[in-house]
Amino acid sequence: MLSSVLNSERAIQVNIVIMRVFVKLKQVFATHRPLARKLAELEHRLEGHDQEIRSLFEAIRELMKPPETPRRRIGFHHWKGARS
Protein backbone atom coordinates (compact mmCIF):
# COMPACT_ATOMS: atom_id res chain seq x y z
CA MET A 1 0.00 0.00 0.00
CA LEU A 2 2.84 2.33 0.82
CA SER A 3 4.45 1.71 -2.58
CA SER A 4 1.34 3.08 -4.31
CA VAL A 5 1.43 6.26 -2.20
CA LEU A 6 5.12 7.01 -2.54
CA ASN A 7 6.25 8.76 -5.69
CA SER A 8 9.80 7.45 -6.12
CA GLU A 9 10.99 5.31 -9.01
CA ARG A 10 11.68 2.37 -6.69
CA ALA A 11 8.18 2.57 -5.14
CA ILE A 12 6.62 2.53 -8.62
CA GLN A 13 8.66 -0.54 -9.61
CA VAL A 14 7.71 -2.35 -6.41
CA ASN A 15 4.05 -1.53 -6.99
CA ILE A 16 4.24 -2.90 -10.57
CA VAL A 17 5.86 -6.12 -9.33
CA ILE A 18 3.20 -6.52 -6.64
CA MET A 19 0.41 -6.10 -9.21
CA ARG A 20 2.07 -8.62 -11.54
CA VAL A 21 2.34 -11.14 -8.70
CA PHE A 22 -1.37 -10.80 -7.91
CA VAL A 23 -2.28 -11.20 -11.59
CA LYS A 24 -0.07 -14.31 -11.83
CA LEU A 25 -1.63 -15.78 -8.67
CA LYS A 26 -5.09 -15.19 -10.10
CA GLN A 27 -4.08 -16.98 -13.32
CA VAL A 28 -2.61 -19.91 -11.41
CA PHE A 29 -5.71 -20.29 -9.27
CA ALA A 30 -7.95 -19.99 -12.33
CA THR A 31 -6.09 -22.73 -14.22
CA HIS A 32 -6.10 -25.09 -11.24
CA ARG A 33 -9.74 -24.55 -10.33
CA PRO A 34 -11.08 -27.32 -12.64
CA LEU A 35 -8.49 -29.73 -11.26
CA ALA A 36 -9.39 -28.81 -7.69
CA ARG A 37 -13.09 -29.26 -8.49
CA LYS A 38 -12.49 -32.71 -10.01
CA LEU A 39 -10.42 -33.77 -7.01
CA ALA A 40 -13.18 -32.64 -4.67
CA GLU A 41 -15.77 -34.59 -6.69
CA LEU A 42 -13.60 -37.70 -6.65
CA GLU A 43 -13.03 -37.39 -2.91
CA HIS A 44 -16.76 -36.98 -2.35
CA ARG A 45 -17.58 -40.05 -4.47
CA LEU A 46 -15.03 -42.22 -2.67
CA GLU A 47 -16.03 -41.26 0.88
CA GLY A 48 -18.35 -44.25 1.36
CA HIS A 49 -16.09 -46.76 -0.32
CA ASP A 50 -13.87 -47.29 2.73
CA GLN A 51 -16.76 -48.78 4.69
CA GLU A 52 -17.91 -50.81 1.70
CA ILE A 53 -14.43 -52.28 1.18
CA ARG A 54 -14.17 -53.07 4.89
CA SER A 55 -17.53 -54.88 4.73
CA LEU A 56 -16.36 -56.82 1.68
CA PHE A 57 -13.23 -58.02 3.49
CA GLU A 58 -15.30 -59.03 6.53
CA ALA A 59 -17.61 -61.09 4.30
CA ILE A 60 -14.61 -62.79 2.65
CA ARG A 61 -13.12 -63.60 6.07
CA GLU A 62 -16.44 -65.13 7.15
CA LEU A 63 -16.47 -67.31 4.05
CA MET A 64 -12.89 -68.44 4.72
CA LYS A 65 -13.67 -69.65 8.25
CA PRO A 66 -14.10 -73.40 8.61
CA PRO A 67 -17.62 -74.51 9.50
CA GLU A 68 -18.33 -74.55 13.23
CA THR A 69 -19.77 -78.08 13.27
CA PRO A 70 -18.60 -80.82 10.95
CA ARG A 71 -21.11 -81.45 8.23
CA ARG A 72 -22.65 -84.85 7.78
CA ARG A 73 -21.39 -86.51 4.65
CA ILE A 74 -24.02 -87.16 2.05
CA GLY A 75 -24.27 -90.17 -0.25
CA PHE A 76 -23.77 -93.90 0.20
CA HIS A 77 -21.66 -94.94 3.19
CA HIS A 78 -20.30 -98.40 3.77
CA TRP A 79 -20.01 -98.99 7.49
CA LYS A 80 -18.01 -101.77 9.08
CA GLY A 81 -20.11 -104.31 10.87
CA ALA A 82 -23.22 -103.58 8.86
CA ARG A 83 -25.25 -106.53 7.68
CA SER A 84 -24.92 -107.40 4.08
PDB file of N, CA and C in Angstrom:
ATOM      1  N   MET A   1       0.831  -1.196   0.000  1.00  0.00           N
ATOM      2  CA  MET A   1       0.000   0.000   0.000  1.00  0.00           C
ATOM      3  C   MET A   1       0.866   1.247   0.000  1.00  0.00           C
ATOM      4  N   LEU A   2       1.954   1.171   0.745  1.00  0.00           N
ATOM      5  CA  LEU A   2       2.842   2.329   0.816  1.00  0.00           C
ATOM      6  C   LEU A   2       3.497   2.597  -0.527  1.00  0.00           C
ATOM      7  N   SER A   3       3.787   1.518  -1.287  1.00  0.00           N
ATOM      8  CA  SER A   3       4.452   1.714  -2.580  1.00  0.00           C
ATOM      9  C   SER A   3       3.545   2.443  -3.565  1.00  0.00           C
ATOM     10  N   SER A   4       2.235   2.359  -3.407  1.00  0.00           N
ATOM     11  CA  SER A   4       1.338   3.083  -4.308  1.00  0.00           C
ATOM     12  C   SER A   4       1.190   4.549  -3.905  1.00  0.00           C
ATOM     13  N   VAL A   5       1.534   4.873  -2.662  1.00  0.00           N
ATOM     14  CA  VAL A   5       1.429   6.259  -2.198  1.00  0.00           C
ATOM     15  C   VAL A   5       2.719   7.026  -2.485  1.00  0.00           C
ATOM     16  N   LEU A   6       3.843   6.354  -2.308  1.00  0.00           N
ATOM     17  CA  LEU A   6       5.125   7.008  -2.543  1.00  0.00           C
ATOM     18  C   LEU A   6       5.305   7.294  -4.026  1.00  0.00           C
ATOM     19  N   ASN A   7       6.123   8.319  -4.312  1.00  0.00           N
ATOM     20  CA  ASN A   7       6.255   8.761  -5.689  1.00  0.00           C
ATOM     21  C   ASN A   7       7.666   8.562  -6.219  1.00  0.00           C
ATOM     22  N   SER A   8       8.432   7.669  -5.628  1.00  0.00           N
ATOM     23  CA  SER A   8       9.795   7.451  -6.118  1.00  0.00           C
ATOM     24  C   SER A   8       9.783   6.365  -7.193  1.00  0.00           C
ATOM     25  N   GLU A   9      10.873   6.307  -7.952  1.00  0.00           N
ATOM     26  CA  GLU A   9      10.994   5.312  -9.014  1.00  0.00           C
ATOM     27  C   GLU A   9      10.957   3.882  -8.444  1.00  0.00           C
ATOM     28  N   ARG A  10      11.640   3.690  -7.335  1.00  0.00           N
ATOM     29  CA  ARG A  10      11.676   2.369  -6.695  1.00  0.00           C
ATOM     30  C   ARG A  10      10.282   1.946  -6.215  1.00  0.00           C
ATOM     31  N   ALA A  11       9.533   2.871  -5.626  1.00  0.00           N
ATOM     32  CA  ALA A  11       8.181   2.573  -5.139  1.00  0.00           C
ATOM     33  C   ALA A  11       7.274   2.192  -6.308  1.00  0.00           C
ATOM     34  N   ILE A  12       7.428   2.844  -7.437  1.00  0.00           N
ATOM     35  CA  ILE A  12       6.621   2.535  -8.618  1.00  0.00           C
ATOM     36  C   ILE A  12       6.946   1.121  -9.121  1.00  0.00           C
ATOM     37  N   GLN A  13       8.246   0.790  -9.160  1.00  0.00           N
ATOM     38  CA  GLN A  13       8.659  -0.545  -9.607  1.00  0.00           C
ATOM     39  C   GLN A  13       8.137  -1.639  -8.673  1.00  0.00           C
ATOM     40  N   VAL A  14       8.212  -1.377  -7.386  1.00  0.00           N
ATOM     41  CA  VAL A  14       7.711  -2.347  -6.412  1.00  0.00           C
ATOM     42  C   VAL A  14       6.208  -2.538  -6.586  1.00  0.00           C
ATOM     43  N   ASN A  15       5.494  -1.457  -6.804  1.00  0.00           N
ATOM     44  CA  ASN A  15       4.047  -1.526  -6.994  1.00  0.00           C
ATOM     45  C   ASN A  15       3.711  -2.346  -8.244  1.00  0.00           C
ATOM     46  N   ILE A  16       4.459  -2.147  -9.328  1.00  0.00           N
ATOM     47  CA  ILE A  16       4.241  -2.903 -10.568  1.00  0.00           C
ATOM     48  C   ILE A  16       4.485  -4.391 -10.326  1.00  0.00           C
ATOM     49  N   VAL A  17       5.556  -4.710  -9.617  1.00  0.00           N
ATOM     50  CA  VAL A  17       5.865  -6.116  -9.326  1.00  0.00           C
ATOM     51  C   VAL A  17       4.762  -6.737  -8.480  1.00  0.00           C
ATOM     52  N   ILE A  18       4.276  -6.006  -7.500  1.00  0.00           N
ATOM     53  CA  ILE A  18       3.205  -6.516  -6.644  1.00  0.00           C
ATOM     54  C   ILE A  18       1.958  -6.805  -7.474  1.00  0.00           C
ATOM     55  N   MET A  19       1.592  -5.903  -8.362  1.00  0.00           N
ATOM     56  CA  MET A  19       0.413  -6.100  -9.207  1.00  0.00           C
ATOM     57  C   MET A  19       0.604  -7.315 -10.120  1.00  0.00           C
ATOM     58  N   ARG A  20       1.805  -7.473 -10.676  1.00  0.00           N
ATOM     59  CA  ARG A  20       2.067  -8.624 -11.542  1.00  0.00           C
ATOM     60  C   ARG A  20       1.966  -9.946 -10.768  1.00  0.00           C
ATOM     61  N   VAL A  21       2.426  -9.934  -9.521  1.00  0.00           N
ATOM     62  CA  VAL A  21       2.343 -11.135  -8.698  1.00  0.00           C
ATOM     63  C   VAL A  21       0.876 -11.501  -8.455  1.00  0.00           C
ATOM     64  N   PHE A  22       0.051 -10.520  -8.146  1.00  0.00           N
ATOM     65  CA  PHE A  22      -1.365 -10.796  -7.913  1.00  0.00           C
ATOM     66  C   PHE A  22      -2.054 -11.307  -9.174  1.00  0.00           C
ATOM     67  N   VAL A  23      -1.706 -10.732 -10.323  1.00  0.00           N
ATOM     68  CA  VAL A  23      -2.279 -11.196 -11.588  1.00  0.00           C
ATOM     69  C   VAL A  23      -1.859 -12.637 -11.856  1.00  0.00           C
ATOM     70  N   LYS A  24      -0.576 -12.947 -11.621  1.00  0.00           N
ATOM     71  CA  LYS A  24      -0.074 -14.305 -11.828  1.00  0.00           C
ATOM     72  C   LYS A  24      -0.762 -15.293 -10.881  1.00  0.00           C
ATOM     73  N   LEU A  25      -0.925 -14.915  -9.627  1.00  0.00           N
ATOM     74  CA  LEU A  25      -1.630 -15.779  -8.667  1.00  0.00           C
ATOM     75  C   LEU A  25      -3.060 -16.054  -9.124  1.00  0.00           C
ATOM     76  N   LYS A  26      -3.720 -15.015  -9.617  1.00  0.00           N
ATOM     77  CA  LYS A  26      -5.087 -15.185 -10.100  1.00  0.00           C
ATOM     78  C   LYS A  26      -5.114 -16.152 -11.277  1.00  0.00           C
ATOM     79  N   GLN A  27      -4.147 -16.062 -12.169  1.00  0.00           N
ATOM     80  CA  GLN A  27      -4.083 -16.976 -13.317  1.00  0.00           C
ATOM     81  C   GLN A  27      -3.825 -18.414 -12.859  1.00  0.00           C
ATOM     82  N   VAL A  28      -2.927 -18.579 -11.908  1.00  0.00           N
ATOM     83  CA  VAL A  28      -2.613 -19.914 -11.406  1.00  0.00           C
ATOM     84  C   VAL A  28      -3.839 -20.535 -10.748  1.00  0.00           C
ATOM     85  N   PHE A  29      -4.521 -19.770  -9.927  1.00  0.00           N
ATOM     86  CA  PHE A  29      -5.714 -20.289  -9.268  1.00  0.00           C
ATOM     87  C   PHE A  29      -6.816 -20.595 -10.283  1.00  0.00           C
ATOM     88  N   ALA A  30      -6.919 -19.776 -11.315  1.00  0.00           N
ATOM     89  CA  ALA A  30      -7.948 -19.995 -12.327  1.00  0.00           C
ATOM     90  C   ALA A  30      -7.673 -21.254 -13.135  1.00  0.00           C
ATOM     91  N   THR A  31      -6.411 -21.547 -13.425  1.00  0.00           N
ATOM     92  CA  THR A  31      -6.092 -22.730 -14.218  1.00  0.00           C
ATOM     93  C   THR A  31      -6.207 -23.998 -13.391  1.00  0.00           C
ATOM     94  N   HIS A  32      -6.036 -23.916 -12.091  1.00  0.00           N
ATOM     95  CA  HIS A  32      -6.100 -25.095 -11.244  1.00  0.00           C
ATOM     96  C   HIS A  32      -7.491 -25.324 -10.655  1.00  0.00           C
ATOM     97  N   ARG A  33      -8.395 -24.414 -10.884  1.00  0.00           N
ATOM     98  CA  ARG A  33      -9.739 -24.548 -10.327  1.00  0.00           C
ATOM     99  C   ARG A  33     -10.448 -25.793 -10.854  1.00  0.00           C
ATOM    100  N   PRO A  34     -10.417 -26.084 -12.175  1.00  0.00           N
ATOM    101  CA  PRO A  34     -11.077 -27.319 -12.640  1.00  0.00           C
ATOM    102  C   PRO A  34     -10.464 -28.578 -12.017  1.00  0.00           C
ATOM    103  N   LEU A  35      -9.151 -28.585 -11.864  1.00  0.00           N
ATOM    104  CA  LEU A  35      -8.495 -29.731 -11.256  1.00  0.00           C
ATOM    105  C   LEU A  35      -8.931 -29.876  -9.800  1.00  0.00           C
ATOM    106  N   ALA A  36      -8.972 -28.777  -9.084  1.00  0.00           N
ATOM    107  CA  ALA A  36      -9.394 -28.810  -7.686  1.00  0.00           C
ATOM    108  C   ALA A  36     -10.844 -29.284  -7.580  1.00  0.00           C
ATOM    109  N   ARG A  37     -11.690 -28.847  -8.505  1.00  0.00           N
ATOM    110  CA  ARG A  37     -13.092 -29.257  -8.488  1.00  0.00           C
ATOM    111  C   ARG A  37     -13.212 -30.766  -8.746  1.00  0.00           C
ATOM    112  N   LYS A  38     -12.452 -31.272  -9.709  1.00  0.00           N
ATOM    113  CA  LYS A  38     -12.490 -32.707 -10.013  1.00  0.00           C
ATOM    114  C   LYS A  38     -11.982 -33.535  -8.834  1.00  0.00           C
ATOM    115  N   LEU A  39     -10.924 -33.060  -8.175  1.00  0.00           N
ATOM    116  CA  LEU A  39     -10.424 -33.775  -7.007  1.00  0.00           C
ATOM    117  C   LEU A  39     -11.461 -33.801  -5.890  1.00  0.00           C
ATOM    118  N   ALA A  40     -12.147 -32.697  -5.696  1.00  0.00           N
ATOM    119  CA  ALA A  40     -13.184 -32.636  -4.666  1.00  0.00           C
ATOM    120  C   ALA A  40     -14.328 -33.597  -4.998  1.00  0.00           C
ATOM    121  N   GLU A  41     -14.715 -33.659  -6.279  1.00  0.00           N
ATOM    122  CA  GLU A  41     -15.775 -34.585  -6.690  1.00  0.00           C
ATOM    123  C   GLU A  41     -15.348 -36.029  -6.461  1.00  0.00           C
ATOM    124  N   LEU A  42     -14.113 -36.342  -6.829  1.00  0.00           N
ATOM    125  CA  LEU A  42     -13.598 -37.699  -6.652  1.00  0.00           C
ATOM    126  C   LEU A  42     -13.557 -38.061  -5.172  1.00  0.00           C
ATOM    127  N   GLU A  43     -13.085 -37.150  -4.349  1.00  0.00           N
ATOM    128  CA  GLU A  43     -13.028 -37.394  -2.908  1.00  0.00           C
ATOM    129  C   GLU A  43     -14.437 -37.627  -2.354  1.00  0.00           C
ATOM    130  N   HIS A  44     -15.384 -36.842  -2.823  1.00  0.00           N
ATOM    131  CA  HIS A  44     -16.765 -36.981  -2.350  1.00  0.00           C
ATOM    132  C   HIS A  44     -17.347 -38.332  -2.764  1.00  0.00           C
ATOM    133  N   ARG A  45     -17.058 -38.769  -3.993  1.00  0.00           N
ATOM    134  CA  ARG A  45     -17.576 -40.049  -4.475  1.00  0.00           C
ATOM    135  C   ARG A  45     -16.970 -41.224  -3.725  1.00  0.00           C
ATOM    136  N   LEU A  46     -15.725 -41.105  -3.296  1.00  0.00           N
ATOM    137  CA  LEU A  46     -15.033 -42.222  -2.668  1.00  0.00           C
ATOM    138  C   LEU A  46     -15.191 -42.270  -1.156  1.00  0.00           C
ATOM    139  N   GLU A  47     -15.893 -41.309  -0.573  1.00  0.00           N
ATOM    140  CA  GLU A  47     -16.032 -41.263   0.882  1.00  0.00           C
ATOM    141  C   GLU A  47     -16.629 -42.548   1.441  1.00  0.00           C
ATOM    142  N   GLY A  48     -17.681 -43.071   0.842  1.00  0.00           N
ATOM    143  CA  GLY A  48     -18.355 -44.253   1.364  1.00  0.00           C
ATOM    144  C   GLY A  48     -17.663 -45.554   1.024  1.00  0.00           C
ATOM    145  N   HIS A  49     -16.718 -45.523   0.127  1.00  0.00           N
ATOM    146  CA  HIS A  49     -16.091 -46.764  -0.322  1.00  0.00           C
ATOM    147  C   HIS A  49     -15.247 -47.435   0.759  1.00  0.00           C
ATOM    148  N   ASP A  50     -14.679 -46.680   1.673  1.00  0.00           N
ATOM    149  CA  ASP A  50     -13.873 -47.289   2.731  1.00  0.00           C
ATOM    150  C   ASP A  50     -14.700 -48.294   3.526  1.00  0.00           C
ATOM    151  N   GLN A  51     -15.885 -47.895   3.920  1.00  0.00           N
ATOM    152  CA  GLN A  51     -16.759 -48.785   4.692  1.00  0.00           C
ATOM    153  C   GLN A  51     -17.202 -49.968   3.845  1.00  0.00           C
ATOM    154  N   GLU A  52     -17.480 -49.728   2.569  1.00  0.00           N
ATOM    155  CA  GLU A  52     -17.912 -50.811   1.695  1.00  0.00           C
ATOM    156  C   GLU A  52     -16.792 -51.830   1.504  1.00  0.00           C
ATOM    157  N   ILE A  53     -15.567 -51.375   1.333  1.00  0.00           N
ATOM    158  CA  ILE A  53     -14.426 -52.277   1.176  1.00  0.00           C
ATOM    159  C   ILE A  53     -14.204 -53.057   2.462  1.00  0.00           C
ATOM    160  N   ARG A  54     -14.319 -52.396   3.595  1.00  0.00           N
ATOM    161  CA  ARG A  54     -14.171 -53.075   4.889  1.00  0.00           C
ATOM    162  C   ARG A  54     -15.228 -54.176   5.033  1.00  0.00           C
ATOM    163  N   SER A  55     -16.464 -53.878   4.647  1.00  0.00           N
ATOM    164  CA  SER A  55     -17.535 -54.876   4.727  1.00  0.00           C
ATOM    165  C   SER A  55     -17.251 -56.046   3.793  1.00  0.00           C
ATOM    166  N   LEU A  56     -16.704 -55.770   2.632  1.00  0.00           N
ATOM    167  CA  LEU A  56     -16.359 -56.821   1.683  1.00  0.00           C
ATOM    168  C   LEU A  56     -15.304 -57.756   2.262  1.00  0.00           C
ATOM    169  N   PHE A  57     -14.271 -57.195   2.873  1.00  0.00           N
ATOM    170  CA  PHE A  57     -13.230 -58.018   3.492  1.00  0.00           C
ATOM    171  C   PHE A  57     -13.790 -58.843   4.652  1.00  0.00           C
ATOM    172  N   GLU A  58     -14.686 -58.272   5.435  1.00  0.00           N
ATOM    173  CA  GLU A  58     -15.299 -59.027   6.528  1.00  0.00           C
ATOM    174  C   GLU A  58     -16.101 -60.210   5.990  1.00  0.00           C
ATOM    175  N   ALA A  59     -16.828 -59.999   4.901  1.00  0.00           N
ATOM    176  CA  ALA A  59     -17.610 -61.086   4.302  1.00  0.00           C
ATOM    177  C   ALA A  59     -16.680 -62.180   3.775  1.00  0.00           C
ATOM    178  N   ILE A  60     -15.568 -61.797   3.155  1.00  0.00           N
ATOM    179  CA  ILE A  60     -14.611 -62.787   2.655  1.00  0.00           C
ATOM    180  C   ILE A  60     -14.010 -63.568   3.809  1.00  0.00           C
ATOM    181  N   ARG A  61     -13.680 -62.900   4.898  1.00  0.00           N
ATOM    182  CA  ARG A  61     -13.123 -63.600   6.066  1.00  0.00           C
ATOM    183  C   ARG A  61     -14.130 -64.603   6.637  1.00  0.00           C
ATOM    184  N   GLU A  62     -15.403 -64.214   6.657  1.00  0.00           N
ATOM    185  CA  GLU A  62     -16.440 -65.128   7.152  1.00  0.00           C
ATOM    186  C   GLU A  62     -16.526 -66.369   6.269  1.00  0.00           C
ATOM    187  N   LEU A  63     -16.404 -66.173   4.969  1.00  0.00           N
ATOM    188  CA  LEU A  63     -16.470 -67.313   4.051  1.00  0.00           C
ATOM    189  C   LEU A  63     -15.246 -68.211   4.182  1.00  0.00           C
ATOM    190  N   MET A  64     -14.125 -67.659   4.605  1.00  0.00           N
ATOM    191  CA  MET A  64     -12.891 -68.436   4.720  1.00  0.00           C
ATOM    192  C   MET A  64     -12.841 -69.253   6.009  1.00  0.00           C
ATOM    193  N   LYS A  65     -13.677 -68.926   6.986  1.00  0.00           N
ATOM    194  CA  LYS A  65     -13.670 -69.654   8.253  1.00  0.00           C
ATOM    195  C   LYS A  65     -14.172 -71.075   8.032  1.00  0.00           C
ATOM    196  N   PRO A  66     -13.570 -72.037   8.723  1.00  0.00           N
ATOM    197  CA  PRO A  66     -14.098 -73.398   8.613  1.00  0.00           C
ATOM    198  C   PRO A  66     -15.460 -73.470   9.291  1.00  0.00           C
ATOM    199  N   PRO A  67     -16.291 -74.412   8.875  1.00  0.00           N
ATOM    200  CA  PRO A  67     -17.620 -74.511   9.504  1.00  0.00           C
ATOM    201  C   PRO A  67     -17.477 -74.849  10.981  1.00  0.00           C
ATOM    202  N   GLU A  68     -18.400 -74.353  11.788  1.00  0.00           N
ATOM    203  CA  GLU A  68     -18.329 -74.551  13.230  1.00  0.00           C
ATOM    204  C   GLU A  68     -18.572 -76.006  13.613  1.00  0.00           C
ATOM    205  N   THR A  69     -19.509 -76.662  12.988  1.00  0.00           N
ATOM    206  CA  THR A  69     -19.773 -78.076  13.268  1.00  0.00           C
ATOM    207  C   THR A  69     -19.472 -78.852  11.997  1.00  0.00           C
ATOM    208  N   PRO A  70     -18.888 -80.048  12.154  1.00  0.00           N
ATOM    209  CA  PRO A  70     -18.599 -80.823  10.948  1.00  0.00           C
ATOM    210  C   PRO A  70     -19.899 -81.222  10.260  1.00  0.00           C
ATOM    211  N   ARG A  71     -19.911 -81.115   8.984  1.00  0.00           N
ATOM    212  CA  ARG A  71     -21.107 -81.455   8.226  1.00  0.00           C
ATOM    213  C   ARG A  71     -21.201 -82.969   8.048  1.00  0.00           C
ATOM    214  N   ARG A  72     -22.409 -83.437   8.006  1.00  0.00           N
ATOM    215  CA  ARG A  72     -22.648 -84.854   7.781  1.00  0.00           C
ATOM    216  C   ARG A  72     -22.434 -85.143   6.304  1.00  0.00           C
ATOM    217  N   ARG A  73     -21.668 -86.166   6.030  1.00  0.00           N
ATOM    218  CA  ARG A  73     -21.390 -86.513   4.647  1.00  0.00           C
ATOM    219  C   ARG A  73     -22.661 -87.037   4.006  1.00  0.00           C
ATOM    220  N   ILE A  74     -22.846 -86.671   2.762  1.00  0.00           N
ATOM    221  CA  ILE A  74     -24.022 -87.159   2.053  1.00  0.00           C
ATOM    222  C   ILE A  74     -23.606 -88.259   1.084  1.00  0.00           C
ATOM    223  N   GLY A  75     -24.550 -89.110   0.700  1.00  0.00           N
ATOM    224  CA  GLY A  75     -24.268 -90.173  -0.250  1.00  0.00           C
ATOM    225  C   GLY A  75     -24.242 -91.522   0.427  1.00  0.00           C
ATOM    226  N   PHE A  76     -23.817 -92.540  -0.303  1.00  0.00           N
ATOM    227  CA  PHE A  76     -23.771 -93.901   0.202  1.00  0.00           C
ATOM    228  C   PHE A  76     -22.542 -94.079   1.071  1.00  0.00           C
ATOM    229  N   HIS A  77     -22.757 -94.690   2.261  1.00  0.00           N
ATOM    230  CA  HIS A  77     -21.659 -94.942   3.189  1.00  0.00           C
ATOM    231  C   HIS A  77     -21.621 -96.429   3.500  1.00  0.00           C
ATOM    232  N   HIS A  78     -20.465 -96.997   3.418  1.00  0.00           N
ATOM    233  CA  HIS A  78     -20.299 -98.404   3.775  1.00  0.00           C
ATOM    234  C   HIS A  78     -19.700 -98.428   5.168  1.00  0.00           C
ATOM    235  N   TRP A  79     -20.443 -98.964   6.119  1.00  0.00           N
ATOM    236  CA  TRP A  79     -20.008 -98.991   7.493  1.00  0.00           C
ATOM    237  C   TRP A  79     -19.548-100.406   7.859  1.00  0.00           C
ATOM    238  N   LYS A  80     -18.508-100.452   8.624  1.00  0.00           N
ATOM    239  CA  LYS A  80     -18.015-101.767   9.078  1.00  0.00           C
ATOM    240  C   LYS A  80     -19.035-102.368  10.046  1.00  0.00           C
ATOM    241  N   GLY A  81     -19.212-103.633   9.948  1.00  0.00           N
ATOM    242  CA  GLY A  81     -20.109-104.310  10.870  1.00  0.00           C
ATOM    243  C   GLY A  81     -21.553-104.271  10.428  1.00  0.00           C
ATOM    244  N   ALA A  82     -21.838-103.621   9.327  1.00  0.00           N
ATOM    245  CA  ALA A  82     -23.217-103.579   8.855  1.00  0.00           C
ATOM    246  C   ALA A  82     -23.571-104.902   8.197  1.00  0.00           C
ATOM    247  N   ARG A  83     -24.808-105.278   8.283  1.00  0.00           N
ATOM    248  CA  ARG A  83     -25.249-106.533   7.682  1.00  0.00           C
ATOM    249  C   ARG A  83     -25.277-106.394   6.164  1.00  0.00           C
ATOM    250  N   SER A  84     -24.887-107.455   5.523  1.00  0.00           N
ATOM    251  CA  SER A  84     -24.916-107.399   4.077  1.00  0.00           C
ATOM    252  C   SER A  84     -25.995-108.217   3.469  1.00  0.00           C
TER     253      SER A  84
END
